N, C-alpha and C. Protein backbone atom coordinates (compact mmCIF):
# COMPACT_ATOMS: atom_id res chain seq x y z
N MET A 1 -9.68 -1.57 -33.87
CA MET A 1 -10.25 -2.98 -33.69
C MET A 1 -11.81 -2.34 -33.85
N ASN A 2 -12.53 -3.65 -34.07
CA ASN A 2 -14.34 -3.18 -33.73
C ASN A 2 -14.78 -4.55 -33.01
N PHE A 3 -15.47 -4.49 -32.07
CA PHE A 3 -16.04 -5.45 -31.10
C PHE A 3 -17.85 -4.99 -31.60
N GLY A 4 -18.39 -5.92 -32.88
CA GLY A 4 -19.49 -5.80 -33.53
C GLY A 4 -20.00 -4.46 -34.49
N SER A 5 -20.85 -3.39 -33.92
CA SER A 5 -20.73 -2.95 -34.28
C SER A 5 -20.43 -1.07 -33.19
N GLN A 6 -20.03 -1.43 -32.64
CA GLN A 6 -19.32 -0.76 -31.71
C GLN A 6 -17.60 0.05 -32.72
N THR A 7 -17.24 0.80 -32.22
CA THR A 7 -15.77 1.32 -32.56
C THR A 7 -15.19 1.81 -30.90
N MET A 8 -14.05 1.70 -30.77
CA MET A 8 -13.37 1.87 -29.76
C MET A 8 -13.40 3.16 -29.37
N LYS A 9 -13.41 3.45 -28.28
CA LYS A 9 -13.35 4.83 -27.71
C LYS A 9 -12.47 5.35 -26.87
N LYS A 10 -12.20 6.30 -26.74
CA LYS A 10 -11.49 6.78 -26.00
C LYS A 10 -11.82 6.70 -24.16
N THR A 11 -10.97 5.84 -23.53
CA THR A 11 -11.10 5.61 -22.19
C THR A 11 -11.18 6.24 -21.17
N ARG A 12 -12.16 7.10 -20.18
CA ARG A 12 -11.36 8.08 -19.42
C ARG A 12 -10.47 7.85 -18.41
N LEU A 13 -10.00 6.50 -18.67
CA LEU A 13 -8.81 6.71 -17.65
C LEU A 13 -7.48 7.23 -18.27
N ILE A 14 -7.10 7.09 -19.56
CA ILE A 14 -5.95 7.45 -19.94
C ILE A 14 -6.46 8.26 -21.39
N ALA A 15 -7.73 8.53 -21.66
CA ALA A 15 -8.09 9.68 -22.63
C ALA A 15 -7.08 9.09 -24.43
N ARG A 16 -7.12 7.65 -24.15
CA ARG A 16 -6.58 7.33 -25.21
C ARG A 16 -7.50 6.27 -25.56
N LYS A 17 -7.23 5.65 -27.30
CA LYS A 17 -8.19 4.53 -27.45
C LYS A 17 -7.31 3.37 -26.91
N PRO A 18 -7.49 2.22 -26.89
CA PRO A 18 -6.95 1.32 -26.11
C PRO A 18 -6.10 0.31 -27.38
N SER A 19 -6.51 0.78 -28.80
CA SER A 19 -5.70 0.25 -29.88
C SER A 19 -4.17 1.31 -29.63
N GLU A 20 -3.99 2.46 -29.46
CA GLU A 20 -3.05 3.26 -29.56
C GLU A 20 -2.44 3.14 -28.08
N ALA A 21 -3.03 2.50 -27.01
CA ALA A 21 -2.57 2.85 -25.55
C ALA A 21 -1.34 1.62 -26.05
N ILE A 22 -1.71 0.25 -26.61
CA ILE A 22 -0.80 -0.86 -27.02
C ILE A 22 0.10 -0.33 -27.59
N ASN A 23 0.35 0.06 -28.55
CA ASN A 23 1.59 0.47 -29.26
C ASN A 23 2.30 1.58 -28.62
N SER A 24 2.43 1.81 -27.42
CA SER A 24 2.93 3.00 -27.03
C SER A 24 4.08 2.57 -26.04
N SER A 25 4.94 2.90 -26.07
CA SER A 25 5.61 2.41 -25.24
C SER A 25 5.53 3.01 -23.07
N ARG A 26 5.00 3.56 -23.06
CA ARG A 26 4.61 4.49 -21.89
C ARG A 26 3.16 4.99 -21.93
N VAL A 27 2.59 4.56 -20.99
CA VAL A 27 0.71 4.66 -21.32
C VAL A 27 0.79 5.39 -19.64
N GLU A 28 0.16 7.25 -19.31
CA GLU A 28 0.35 7.87 -18.14
C GLU A 28 -1.39 7.71 -18.35
N ARG A 29 -1.99 7.50 -16.63
CA ARG A 29 -3.25 8.03 -17.02
C ARG A 29 -3.68 9.40 -16.19
N VAL A 30 -4.82 9.77 -16.58
CA VAL A 30 -5.48 11.05 -16.88
C VAL A 30 -5.98 11.17 -15.36
N ASP A 31 -5.62 12.15 -14.41
CA ASP A 31 -5.88 12.53 -13.19
C ASP A 31 -7.47 12.92 -12.91
N LEU A 32 -7.71 12.08 -12.62
CA LEU A 32 -9.78 12.79 -12.45
C LEU A 32 -10.10 13.39 -11.63
N GLN A 33 -9.01 13.74 -9.91
CA GLN A 33 -8.98 13.87 -8.91
C GLN A 33 -8.32 15.06 -9.40
N LYS A 34 -7.71 16.39 -9.39
CA LYS A 34 -7.00 17.09 -8.90
C LYS A 34 -5.70 17.02 -7.68
N ARG A 35 -4.49 16.69 -7.85
CA ARG A 35 -4.00 16.22 -6.78
C ARG A 35 -3.66 17.53 -6.24
N LYS A 36 -3.37 18.87 -6.30
CA LYS A 36 -3.26 19.53 -5.96
C LYS A 36 -4.11 19.96 -4.93
N HIS A 37 -5.40 20.06 -4.99
CA HIS A 37 -6.60 20.26 -4.34
C HIS A 37 -6.56 18.88 -3.26
N GLU A 38 -5.91 18.25 -3.05
CA GLU A 38 -6.31 17.12 -2.14
C GLU A 38 -6.09 17.77 -1.11
N VAL A 39 -6.51 17.26 0.24
CA VAL A 39 -6.31 17.35 1.58
C VAL A 39 -5.74 16.73 2.19
N ILE A 40 -4.66 17.01 2.97
CA ILE A 40 -3.67 16.51 3.91
C ILE A 40 -4.39 16.50 5.12
N LEU A 41 -4.02 14.98 5.40
CA LEU A 41 -4.46 14.38 6.50
C LEU A 41 -3.73 15.47 8.35
N PRO A 42 -4.20 15.91 8.82
CA PRO A 42 -3.44 16.29 10.30
C PRO A 42 -2.98 15.32 10.98
N HIS A 43 -1.44 16.13 11.48
CA HIS A 43 -1.17 14.71 12.63
C HIS A 43 -1.88 14.44 13.38
N ASP A 44 -2.72 15.17 14.11
CA ASP A 44 -3.56 14.72 15.29
C ASP A 44 -4.29 13.99 14.81
N VAL A 45 -4.45 13.53 13.66
CA VAL A 45 -5.97 12.43 13.68
C VAL A 45 -5.49 11.29 13.75
N LEU A 46 -6.11 9.82 14.53
CA LEU A 46 -6.32 8.84 14.94
C LEU A 46 -6.61 8.16 13.45
N VAL A 47 -5.47 7.04 13.35
CA VAL A 47 -5.50 6.15 12.04
C VAL A 47 -5.49 4.41 12.27
N ARG A 48 -6.06 4.00 11.59
CA ARG A 48 -5.97 2.54 11.49
C ARG A 48 -4.77 2.34 9.65
N TYR A 49 -4.31 1.37 9.37
CA TYR A 49 -3.63 1.26 7.86
C TYR A 49 -4.40 0.34 7.46
N LEU A 50 -4.30 -0.47 6.76
CA LEU A 50 -4.38 -1.72 5.48
C LEU A 50 -3.13 -2.32 5.60
N TYR A 51 -3.01 -3.08 6.04
CA TYR A 51 -2.29 -4.33 5.78
C TYR A 51 -1.81 -4.52 4.32
N ALA A 52 -1.11 -4.96 4.55
CA ALA A 52 -0.27 -5.24 3.27
C ALA A 52 -0.45 -6.73 3.24
N PRO A 53 -0.39 -7.96 1.85
CA PRO A 53 -0.67 -8.81 1.35
C PRO A 53 0.61 -9.57 2.34
N GLY A 54 0.17 -10.24 3.29
CA GLY A 54 1.36 -11.47 4.22
C GLY A 54 1.21 -10.56 5.39
N ASP A 55 1.15 -9.23 5.48
CA ASP A 55 1.84 -8.89 6.58
C ASP A 55 1.09 -9.60 7.93
N LEU A 56 -0.37 -10.42 8.16
CA LEU A 56 -1.53 -10.62 8.94
C LEU A 56 -1.18 -12.08 8.44
N GLU A 57 0.18 -12.86 9.73
CA GLU A 57 0.27 -14.51 9.50
C GLU A 57 -0.98 -14.82 10.64
N GLY A 58 -1.01 -16.17 10.19
CA GLY A 58 -2.05 -16.93 10.53
C GLY A 58 -3.71 -16.43 10.26
N GLY A 59 -4.45 -16.60 11.43
CA GLY A 59 -5.79 -16.32 11.17
C GLY A 59 -6.58 -17.07 10.06
N LYS A 60 -7.97 -16.75 9.55
CA LYS A 60 -8.58 -17.52 8.89
C LYS A 60 -7.73 -16.56 7.59
N ILE A 61 -8.52 -17.95 6.30
CA ILE A 61 -8.13 -18.03 4.75
C ILE A 61 -9.33 -16.51 4.51
N ARG A 62 -8.45 -15.76 4.44
CA ARG A 62 -9.58 -14.67 3.33
C ARG A 62 -8.98 -14.62 1.81
N HIS A 63 -9.73 -14.08 1.21
CA HIS A 63 -9.78 -13.38 -0.39
C HIS A 63 -8.46 -12.70 -0.31
N ALA A 64 -7.86 -12.75 -1.20
CA ALA A 64 -6.66 -11.32 -1.52
C ALA A 64 -7.65 -9.95 -1.64
N THR A 65 -8.50 -9.56 -1.78
CA THR A 65 -9.18 -8.27 -2.27
C THR A 65 -9.87 -8.02 -1.05
N ASP A 66 -10.20 -8.95 -0.03
CA ASP A 66 -10.76 -8.54 1.19
C ASP A 66 -9.27 -7.32 2.35
N PRO A 67 -10.67 -6.27 2.33
CA PRO A 67 -9.41 -5.58 2.96
C PRO A 67 -9.28 -5.77 4.92
N ILE A 68 -8.31 -5.84 4.80
CA ILE A 68 -7.81 -6.06 6.64
C ILE A 68 -7.09 -5.25 7.14
N TRP A 69 -7.56 -4.23 7.89
CA TRP A 69 -7.32 -3.13 8.82
C TRP A 69 -6.89 -3.39 10.40
N SER A 70 -5.65 -2.95 10.81
CA SER A 70 -4.82 -2.68 11.75
C SER A 70 -5.75 -2.32 12.85
N LEU A 71 -5.51 -3.58 14.08
CA LEU A 71 -6.27 -3.41 15.26
C LEU A 71 -6.21 -2.35 16.27
N SER A 72 -4.66 -2.25 15.59
CA SER A 72 -4.32 -0.71 16.68
C SER A 72 -4.29 0.87 16.14
N VAL A 73 -4.12 1.39 16.73
CA VAL A 73 -4.30 3.11 16.20
C VAL A 73 -3.30 3.63 16.44
N HIS A 74 -2.70 4.10 15.59
CA HIS A 74 -1.62 5.45 15.22
C HIS A 74 -1.74 6.83 14.85
N GLN A 75 -1.23 7.33 15.25
CA GLN A 75 -1.17 9.30 14.99
C GLN A 75 -0.14 9.39 13.55
N ILE A 76 0.00 9.74 12.82
CA ILE A 76 0.50 10.69 11.75
C ILE A 76 2.13 11.50 12.19
N ASN A 77 2.71 10.34 11.85
CA ASN A 77 4.19 11.15 12.32
C ASN A 77 4.24 12.32 11.34
N SER A 78 4.54 11.99 9.80
CA SER A 78 5.09 13.21 8.61
C SER A 78 4.16 12.46 7.69
N SER A 79 4.60 13.53 6.79
CA SER A 79 3.65 13.56 5.09
C SER A 79 4.31 14.19 4.44
N VAL A 80 4.74 13.61 3.37
CA VAL A 80 5.47 14.27 2.30
C VAL A 80 4.32 14.06 0.62
N ARG A 81 4.80 15.50 0.01
CA ARG A 81 3.80 15.81 -0.64
C ARG A 81 5.10 15.64 -1.98
N ALA A 82 4.62 15.67 -2.87
CA ALA A 82 5.77 15.82 -4.51
C ALA A 82 4.70 16.15 -5.45
N PRO A 83 5.17 17.09 -6.43
CA PRO A 83 4.55 16.73 -7.78
C PRO A 83 4.06 15.82 -8.40
N ASN A 84 2.88 15.93 -8.56
CA ASN A 84 2.04 15.61 -9.86
C ASN A 84 2.27 13.78 -8.65
N GLN A 85 2.21 13.92 -7.57
CA GLN A 85 2.10 12.42 -7.02
C GLN A 85 1.06 12.05 -5.65
N PRO A 86 0.27 11.24 -4.94
CA PRO A 86 -0.28 11.20 -3.72
C PRO A 86 0.53 11.61 -2.67
N VAL A 87 0.09 12.28 -1.89
CA VAL A 87 0.53 12.52 -0.64
C VAL A 87 0.72 10.92 0.12
N ILE A 88 2.31 10.94 0.46
CA ILE A 88 2.52 9.98 1.12
C ILE A 88 2.68 10.03 2.79
N TYR A 89 2.01 9.17 3.81
CA TYR A 89 2.20 9.16 5.35
C TYR A 89 3.02 8.69 5.93
N TYR A 90 3.74 8.84 6.87
CA TYR A 90 4.39 7.97 7.75
C TYR A 90 3.81 7.72 9.37
N LEU A 91 3.49 6.48 10.16
CA LEU A 91 2.72 6.94 10.92
C LEU A 91 3.87 6.59 12.45
N ASP A 92 3.17 7.13 13.29
CA ASP A 92 3.86 6.62 14.55
C ASP A 92 3.84 5.63 15.60
N ASP A 93 4.73 4.59 16.11
CA ASP A 93 4.77 3.22 16.17
C ASP A 93 4.07 2.19 15.32
N GLY A 94 4.19 2.39 13.93
CA GLY A 94 3.81 1.66 13.33
C GLY A 94 4.75 1.38 12.37
N PRO A 95 4.32 0.46 10.96
CA PRO A 95 5.16 -0.16 10.00
C PRO A 95 5.86 1.28 9.55
N LYS A 96 6.98 0.86 9.39
CA LYS A 96 8.11 1.51 8.76
C LYS A 96 8.05 2.00 7.19
N ARG A 97 7.04 1.71 6.87
CA ARG A 97 6.63 1.78 5.32
C ARG A 97 5.54 2.82 5.37
N ALA A 98 5.54 3.77 4.06
CA ALA A 98 4.71 4.65 3.57
C ALA A 98 3.53 4.11 3.59
N PHE A 99 2.23 5.37 3.86
CA PHE A 99 0.71 4.72 2.78
C PHE A 99 0.65 5.89 2.66
N VAL A 100 -0.63 5.62 1.18
CA VAL A 100 -1.63 7.06 0.81
C VAL A 100 -2.41 6.77 1.51
N LYS A 101 -3.31 8.00 1.27
CA LYS A 101 -4.48 8.31 2.41
C LYS A 101 -5.62 6.61 1.89
N GLU A 102 -6.01 6.37 0.97
CA GLU A 102 -6.80 5.27 0.64
C GLU A 102 -6.65 3.91 1.70
N GLU A 103 -5.31 4.06 2.03
CA GLU A 103 -4.97 3.22 3.13
C GLU A 103 -4.24 3.06 4.48
N LEU A 104 -5.37 4.11 4.76
CA LEU A 104 -5.57 4.42 6.17
C LEU A 104 -7.27 5.00 6.46
N GLN A 105 -7.33 4.29 7.62
CA GLN A 105 -9.15 4.41 7.89
C GLN A 105 -9.17 5.42 8.89
N ILE A 106 -9.63 6.90 8.84
CA ILE A 106 -9.66 7.47 10.15
C ILE A 106 -11.01 6.78 11.86
N VAL A 107 -9.98 7.01 12.50
CA VAL A 107 -10.58 6.82 13.62
C VAL A 107 -10.94 7.82 14.65
N ARG A 108 -12.00 7.75 14.42
CA ARG A 108 -12.78 9.13 15.99
C ARG A 108 -12.84 8.96 17.24
């Protein structure tokens, strides 16, 4: 595939050319940050969680991309770590769903 004078190069996210990725049945991303060195949040940290779409009923109309953090503060109940997967966190007295680190906001 050619766009003008530029040839398609490998992308950093999948380390393949887009034309190769389109023809593949499965595409895995390259892990830019090594997960085995990921810092696990301690259980005594207080956090707020990011609402999932549809969790917050009523209120003003917001864009789908606006982050909406919980008003309540929670402690981490447990964390689960699997090979080649992000660390999953569960909260005390919070929603019964799992969270990744990017969905938690540390409260000092």
